[in-house]
């Protein structure tokens, strides 16, 4: 459920409509409630109606895993908790 165009609650996903046309992208997310979530980018062909999304996406998950197309790339050491603000996710096109 999308609230006021800025908050996602419950089950589901949001996919932006603006393409990343530069070599870099940046966005900010505030975690308002613990749960199962992922933050990242995906192509329009990604299946967003089940979690975790594993194909056609690059994502940071609630447990700190960093994955691309279902493959684990790494894990951040700091736990991500309610009230945290994730302010520096950068995707570099090569």
Protein backbone atom coordinates (compact mmCIF):
# COMPACT_ATOMS: atom_id res chain seq x y z
CA UNK A 1 0.00 0.00 0.00
CA UNK A 2 1.37 3.38 -0.97
CA UNK A 3 0.59 6.18 1.49
CA UNK A 4 0.66 9.83 0.42
CA UNK A 5 2.87 8.89 -2.51
CA UNK A 6 5.88 8.56 -0.20
CA UNK A 7 5.48 5.57 2.13
CA UNK A 8 5.08 1.88 1.40
CA UNK A 9 3.34 -0.30 3.99
CA UNK A 10 2.24 -3.93 4.00
CA UNK A 11 3.04 -6.30 1.16
CA UNK A 12 4.02 -5.26 -2.31
CA UNK A 13 6.60 -3.25 -4.15
CA UNK A 14 7.09 0.06 -5.85
CA UNK A 15 8.97 0.56 -9.07
CA UNK A 16 9.83 4.09 -10.13
CA UNK A 17 8.97 5.34 -13.57
CA UNK A 18 11.99 7.58 -14.16
CA UNK A 19 14.94 5.92 -15.90
CA UNK A 20 18.48 6.27 -14.57
CA UNK A 21 20.00 8.22 -17.43
CA UNK A 22 23.26 9.21 -15.80
CA UNK A 23 26.14 7.00 -14.73
CA UNK A 24 25.17 7.28 -11.05
CA UNK A 25 21.96 7.12 -9.02
CA UNK A 26 21.32 8.01 -5.39
CA UNK A 27 18.27 7.79 -3.17
CA UNK A 28 17.35 7.84 0.51
CA UNK A 29 15.07 5.51 2.49
CA UNK A 30 13.92 5.69 6.12
CA UNK A 31 12.99 2.42 7.84
CA UNK A 32 9.84 3.15 9.84
CA UNK A 33 9.01 -0.40 10.87
CA UNK A 34 10.97 -3.66 11.00
CA UNK A 35 9.93 -6.41 8.60
CA UNK A 36 10.94 -8.05 5.36
CA UNK A 37 12.06 -5.47 2.83
CA UNK A 38 14.54 -4.73 0.08
CA UNK A 39 15.87 -1.49 -1.34
CA UNK A 40 17.42 -1.32 -4.77
CA UNK A 41 16.84 -1.12 -8.47
CA UNK A 42 15.18 -3.53 -10.87
CA UNK A 43 14.31 -3.81 -14.51
CA UNK A 44 10.68 -3.74 -15.63
CA UNK A 45 10.86 -7.52 -16.14
CA UNK A 46 11.49 -8.18 -12.41
CA UNK A 47 8.65 -10.08 -10.71
CA UNK A 48 7.73 -7.88 -7.75
CA UNK A 49 4.78 -9.81 -6.29
CA UNK A 50 6.90 -12.14 -4.12
CA UNK A 51 9.87 -11.64 -1.82
CA UNK A 52 12.71 -11.87 -2.05
CA UNK A 53 12.89 -10.65 -5.63
CA UNK A 54 15.71 -12.66 -7.17
CA UNK A 55 15.88 -11.92 -10.89
CA UNK A 56 16.57 -8.69 -12.77
CA UNK A 57 17.33 -6.71 -9.61
CA UNK A 58 20.12 -5.40 -7.38
CA UNK A 59 19.06 -5.06 -3.75
CA UNK A 60 20.02 -4.45 -0.11
CA UNK A 61 17.84 -6.70 2.08
CA UNK A 62 16.63 -6.27 5.68
CA UNK A 63 19.24 -8.76 6.93
CA UNK A 64 22.09 -6.74 5.39
CA UNK A 65 22.61 -9.03 2.40
CA UNK A 66 23.55 -7.37 -0.86
CA UNK A 67 22.34 -9.40 -3.82
CA UNK A 68 22.22 -9.12 -7.59
CA UNK A 69 19.96 -11.41 -9.60
CA UNK A 70 19.65 -13.78 -6.65
CA UNK A 71 23.42 -14.07 -6.12
CA UNK A 72 24.79 -12.94 -2.76
CA UNK A 73 27.51 -10.32 -3.33
CA UNK A 74 28.20 -9.37 0.28
CA UNK A 75 26.73 -8.41 3.62
CA UNK A 76 26.96 -5.26 5.70
CA UNK A 77 28.04 -5.72 9.31
CA UNK A 78 25.82 -3.12 11.00
CA UNK A 79 22.24 -4.26 11.69
CA UNK A 80 19.54 -2.18 10.00
CA UNK A 81 16.82 -1.28 12.47
CA UNK A 82 13.59 0.64 12.79
CA UNK A 83 14.30 4.38 12.65
CA UNK A 84 17.46 4.02 10.57
CA UNK A 85 17.88 6.17 7.51
CA UNK A 86 19.75 4.60 4.61
CA UNK A 87 21.23 7.56 2.81
CA UNK A 88 23.91 6.34 0.48
CA UNK A 89 22.96 3.64 -1.95
CA UNK A 90 24.84 4.22 -5.16
CA UNK A 91 24.54 2.29 -8.37
CA UNK A 92 27.19 2.85 -10.99
CA UNK A 93 26.47 1.91 -14.59
CA UNK A 94 29.53 0.56 -16.35
